[in-house]
Protein backbone atom coordinates (compact mmCIF):
# COMPACT_ATOMS: atom_id res chain seq x y z
CA MET A 1 -26.21 -85.05 57.53
CA THR A 2 -24.38 -87.96 54.84
CA THR A 3 -27.11 -89.05 52.74
CA ARG A 4 -25.95 -91.89 50.02
CA LEU A 5 -27.39 -92.75 47.25
CA TYR A 6 -26.15 -96.28 45.14
CA PHE A 7 -26.60 -94.55 41.49
CA VAL A 8 -27.30 -98.60 39.15
CA ARG A 9 -27.40 -98.41 35.81
CA HIS A 10 -30.53 -101.51 34.38
CA GLY A 11 -28.82 -105.19 34.02
CA ALA A 12 -27.98 -105.67 30.86
CA THR A 13 -30.62 -106.24 27.49
CA ARG A 14 -30.15 -107.83 23.76
CA LEU A 15 -30.33 -104.41 22.57
CA THR A 16 -27.60 -103.83 24.95
CA ALA A 17 -25.60 -105.95 23.15
CA GLU A 18 -26.62 -104.17 19.82
CA ASP A 19 -25.21 -101.31 20.33
CA ARG A 20 -28.64 -99.80 19.24
CA PHE A 21 -30.36 -96.18 20.45
CA ALA A 22 -32.72 -98.11 22.99
CA GLY A 23 -33.43 -94.82 24.63
CA ALA A 24 -37.00 -94.44 25.19
CA THR A 25 -37.29 -97.99 23.45
CA GLY A 26 -38.96 -100.80 25.87
CA VAL A 27 -36.84 -103.96 26.29
CA ASP A 28 -37.32 -106.02 28.65
CA LEU A 29 -33.48 -107.61 30.67
CA SER A 30 -31.73 -109.85 29.27
CA GLU A 31 -30.94 -113.97 31.84
CA GLU A 32 -27.66 -112.21 31.29
CA GLY A 33 -29.06 -108.11 32.46
CA ARG A 34 -30.69 -110.46 36.07
CA ARG A 35 -27.64 -112.36 37.21
CA GLN A 36 -25.87 -109.28 36.37
CA VAL A 37 -28.75 -107.61 39.15
CA GLN A 38 -29.22 -110.17 41.28
CA LEU A 39 -25.86 -110.77 42.34
CA LEU A 40 -25.20 -106.51 42.90
CA ALA A 41 -28.86 -107.39 44.59
CA GLU A 42 -26.74 -110.03 46.69
CA ARG A 43 -23.71 -107.23 47.39
CA LEU A 44 -27.13 -104.30 48.78
CA GLY A 45 -28.42 -106.75 50.65
CA GLY A 46 -26.52 -105.97 53.71
CA GLU A 47 -26.93 -102.91 53.26
CA ALA A 48 -30.40 -100.44 55.12
CA LEU A 49 -31.99 -99.35 52.56
CA LYS A 50 -34.66 -96.91 53.49
CA ALA A 51 -35.83 -96.32 49.18
CA VAL A 52 -35.56 -97.71 46.13
CA TYR A 53 -36.29 -94.92 43.01
CA CYS A 54 -36.46 -95.90 39.81
CA SER A 55 -36.98 -94.89 36.23
CA PRO A 56 -40.65 -95.49 34.92
CA LEU A 57 -39.27 -98.00 31.38
CA GLY A 58 -39.42 -101.97 32.02
CA ARG A 59 -36.40 -103.04 31.84
CA THR A 60 -34.93 -100.32 35.05
CA VAL A 61 -38.75 -100.97 37.22
CA GLU A 62 -37.38 -105.09 37.08
CA THR A 63 -34.59 -103.87 37.48
CA ALA A 64 -35.05 -102.34 41.02
CA LYS A 65 -37.86 -104.66 41.81
CA ILE A 66 -35.14 -107.10 42.25
CA ILE A 67 -32.99 -104.80 44.38
CA ALA A 68 -35.84 -103.64 46.67
CA ARG A 69 -36.65 -108.08 47.41
CA PRO A 70 -34.16 -108.49 49.85
CA HIS A 71 -35.74 -104.97 51.93
CA ALA A 72 -39.01 -105.49 51.79
CA LEU A 73 -39.43 -102.38 49.46
CA ALA A 74 -41.77 -101.52 46.06
CA PRO A 75 -39.81 -99.53 44.27
CA VAL A 76 -41.76 -96.07 43.04
CA GLN A 77 -40.98 -94.95 39.55
CA ARG A 78 -39.95 -91.27 39.27
CA ASP A 79 -40.11 -90.04 35.38
CA GLY A 80 -37.39 -87.97 35.46
CA LEU A 81 -34.97 -90.61 35.54
CA ARG A 82 -35.48 -92.28 32.70
CA GLU A 83 -33.26 -92.15 29.69
CA ILE A 84 -32.52 -89.55 26.76
CA HIS A 85 -34.94 -90.14 23.98
CA HIS A 86 -33.45 -90.28 21.21
CA GLY A 87 -36.35 -88.66 19.00
CA HIS A 88 -35.98 -90.35 15.00
CA TRP A 89 -32.77 -92.47 15.96
CA GLU A 90 -34.98 -94.98 18.41
CA GLY A 91 -33.82 -98.74 17.59
CA LEU A 92 -31.51 -98.04 14.85
CA THR A 93 -28.00 -98.94 15.15
CA ARG A 94 -25.01 -96.57 15.51
CA ARG A 95 -23.87 -97.38 12.20
CA GLU A 96 -27.23 -97.21 10.66
CA VAL A 97 -27.88 -93.55 12.41
CA GLU A 98 -24.33 -92.68 11.35
CA GLU A 99 -25.30 -93.71 7.38
CA ARG A 100 -29.01 -92.65 7.46
CA TYR A 101 -28.67 -89.20 8.60
CA PRO A 102 -24.72 -88.48 9.17
CA GLU A 103 -24.69 -84.28 9.39
CA GLU A 104 -27.53 -84.86 12.74
CA TYR A 105 -25.16 -87.80 13.14
CA ALA A 106 -21.72 -85.63 12.71
CA ALA A 107 -23.84 -82.98 15.29
CA TRP A 108 -24.77 -84.86 17.63
CA GLU A 109 -21.33 -86.28 18.47
CA GLU A 110 -19.67 -82.83 18.41
CA ASP A 111 -22.14 -81.54 21.17
CA PRO A 112 -24.85 -83.97 22.43
CA PHE A 113 -25.08 -81.40 25.92
CA THR A 114 -27.39 -79.02 23.42
CA PHE A 115 -27.78 -81.26 20.43
CA ALA A 116 -30.40 -83.20 19.61
CA PRO A 117 -31.42 -85.46 17.55
CA LYS A 118 -35.40 -84.43 15.62
CA ASP A 119 -37.62 -85.59 18.45
CA GLY A 120 -35.40 -86.67 20.83
CA GLU A 121 -33.57 -84.93 24.11
CA SER A 122 -30.27 -82.67 23.81
CA GLY A 123 -27.87 -84.24 27.38
CA LEU A 124 -28.86 -80.38 28.94
CA ALA A 125 -32.45 -81.64 28.70
CA VAL A 126 -32.22 -84.47 30.62
CA LEU A 127 -29.99 -82.64 33.93
CA ALA A 128 -33.83 -80.40 33.41
CA ARG A 129 -35.73 -83.50 34.38
CA ALA A 130 -33.64 -85.61 36.33
CA LEU A 131 -31.52 -82.96 38.75
CA PRO A 132 -34.23 -81.89 39.71
CA VAL A 133 -35.90 -86.30 41.01
CA VAL A 134 -32.33 -86.07 42.86
CA ARG A 135 -32.72 -83.01 44.38
CA GLU A 136 -35.69 -84.26 46.83
CA ILE A 137 -34.46 -87.83 46.81
CA VAL A 138 -31.34 -85.92 49.02
CA VAL A 139 -33.51 -83.24 50.58
CA ASN A 140 -36.88 -86.53 52.26
CA HIS A 141 -34.10 -88.74 52.78
CA PRO A 142 -31.85 -87.28 55.15
CA ASP A 143 -28.90 -89.63 57.53
CA GLU A 144 -30.73 -91.98 55.06
CA ARG A 145 -29.35 -94.83 52.28
CA VAL A 146 -30.96 -94.70 48.78
CA ALA A 147 -30.49 -96.99 45.41
CA VAL A 148 -31.59 -95.20 42.29
CA VAL A 149 -32.23 -97.08 39.22
CA SER A 150 -31.63 -95.72 35.32
CA HIS A 151 -30.15 -95.39 32.73
CA LYS A 152 -26.20 -95.16 31.08
CA ALA A 153 -26.70 -91.84 29.16
CA THR A 154 -28.68 -90.24 32.22
CA LEU A 155 -26.71 -91.59 35.06
CA ARG A 156 -23.75 -90.19 33.52
CA LEU A 157 -25.25 -86.28 32.59
CA ILE A 158 -26.53 -87.03 36.81
CA LEU A 159 -22.81 -88.05 37.92
CA SER A 160 -21.18 -84.77 35.47
CA SER A 161 -23.85 -82.79 36.91
CA LEU A 162 -23.00 -82.88 40.81
CA LEU A 163 -19.57 -83.53 39.94
CA GLY A 164 -18.81 -80.38 38.09
CA PHE A 165 -17.49 -82.41 34.71
CA ASP A 166 -17.84 -80.86 31.67
CA ALA A 167 -21.03 -82.66 30.53
CA ARG A 168 -20.10 -81.68 27.04
CA GLY A 169 -18.06 -84.82 27.39
CA TYR A 170 -20.14 -86.87 29.61
CA ARG A 171 -20.41 -89.32 25.82
CA ASP A 172 -16.59 -89.49 25.68
CA ARG A 173 -15.28 -89.55 29.38
CA LEU A 174 -17.11 -91.55 31.65
CA ASP A 175 -18.77 -95.02 30.85
CA GLN A 176 -21.36 -96.78 32.87
CA SER A 177 -21.71 -100.64 32.06
CA PRO A 178 -24.99 -102.90 33.15
CA ALA A 179 -25.80 -103.10 36.42
CA CYS A 180 -23.39 -100.85 37.58
CA LEU A 181 -23.15 -99.77 40.73
CA ASN A 182 -22.08 -95.89 42.02
CA VAL A 183 -22.10 -94.51 45.28
CA VAL A 184 -22.55 -90.80 45.77
CA ASP A 185 -22.68 -88.91 49.57
CA PHE A 186 -24.43 -85.32 50.00
CA LYS A 187 -23.29 -83.83 53.04
CA ASP A 188 -26.83 -81.00 51.54
CA PRO A 189 -28.55 -81.44 48.28
CA VAL A 190 -25.89 -79.65 46.05
CA ARG A 191 -22.81 -80.82 47.65
CA ALA A 192 -21.69 -84.13 46.45
CA ARG A 193 -18.39 -86.64 47.24
CA LEU A 194 -17.96 -89.59 45.17
CA MET A 195 -17.51 -92.95 46.59
CA LEU A 196 -17.13 -95.24 44.57
CA PHE A 197 -18.15 -95.60 40.04
CA ASN A 198 -18.64 -98.08 37.57
CA ASP A 199 -18.54 -100.78 39.72
CA THR A 200 -19.49 -104.25 38.76
CA SER A 201 -16.70 -106.17 41.04
CA HIS A 202 -20.12 -108.66 42.33
CA TYR A 203 -20.52 -109.55 38.32
CA SER A 204 -16.81 -109.42 37.24
CA ASP A 205 -13.47 -109.43 37.62
CA ARG A 206 -12.60 -106.76 35.26
CA PRO A 207 -12.98 -104.14 34.22
CA ARG A 208 -14.91 -104.04 29.83
CA THR A 209 -13.42 -103.35 27.10
CA PRO A 210 -15.09 -100.48 25.87
CA ASP A 211 -14.84 -101.40 21.95
CA GLN A 212 -18.06 -99.33 21.13
CA ASN A 213 -20.08 -98.93 24.45
CA LEU A 214 -18.94 -95.14 24.57
CA SER A 215 -18.57 -92.73 21.31
CA LYS A 216 -16.72 -92.73 18.23
CA TRP A 217 -14.32 -90.55 19.03
CA TRP A 218 -13.21 -93.20 21.87
CA ASP A 219 -13.53 -95.79 19.34
CA ALA A 220 -10.93 -93.12 16.63
CA SER A 221 -8.44 -92.67 19.31
CA GLU A 222 -8.38 -96.17 20.31
CA ARG A 223 -7.28 -97.33 16.36
CA SER A 224 -4.71 -94.43 15.82
């Protein structure tokens, strides 16, 4: 058996450009985001997709519908694929969080996998709900190709776990650009091989510059 999953991050939104915590916040794709996703849909148009799964948030549902349209599929929503919930940080910029909740932010920067802000989720909690969904998809689609549309943090955590990376460093070491494509082949529900990572060649001829898109650790290393 080889099941191929196309893991996709939703297209750009207004909040993407503003560097805000918007895990549970409802926000639509921007015009640029729709353009990115349409180009990705054209890229995947020749693939024999048998299903498209997505997070229930609006930006992922819209992304999934655009990708599913050439294949005459209806996206299937799974709550486990939604983005990490940042609790009372939702809607704030990174700078605002640092100023208002310095102790929480410092703890999160040190260990975003097990620490969660007030009323929010840890990376561990996200994996606890997301990985069973991935397993369900692989089991239900043997030898098929399936698109899975989710979010930046959720995808980085899923990929970290599938590939055996230390998930505590998911924010520092892995990026997911808007409307990027990741391809993972599964020999069975637990044995996975990464075939493509964070690819945006359908709308860009070069990788994006990090510039505050990863973590404070990354920004500090850029300045040193």
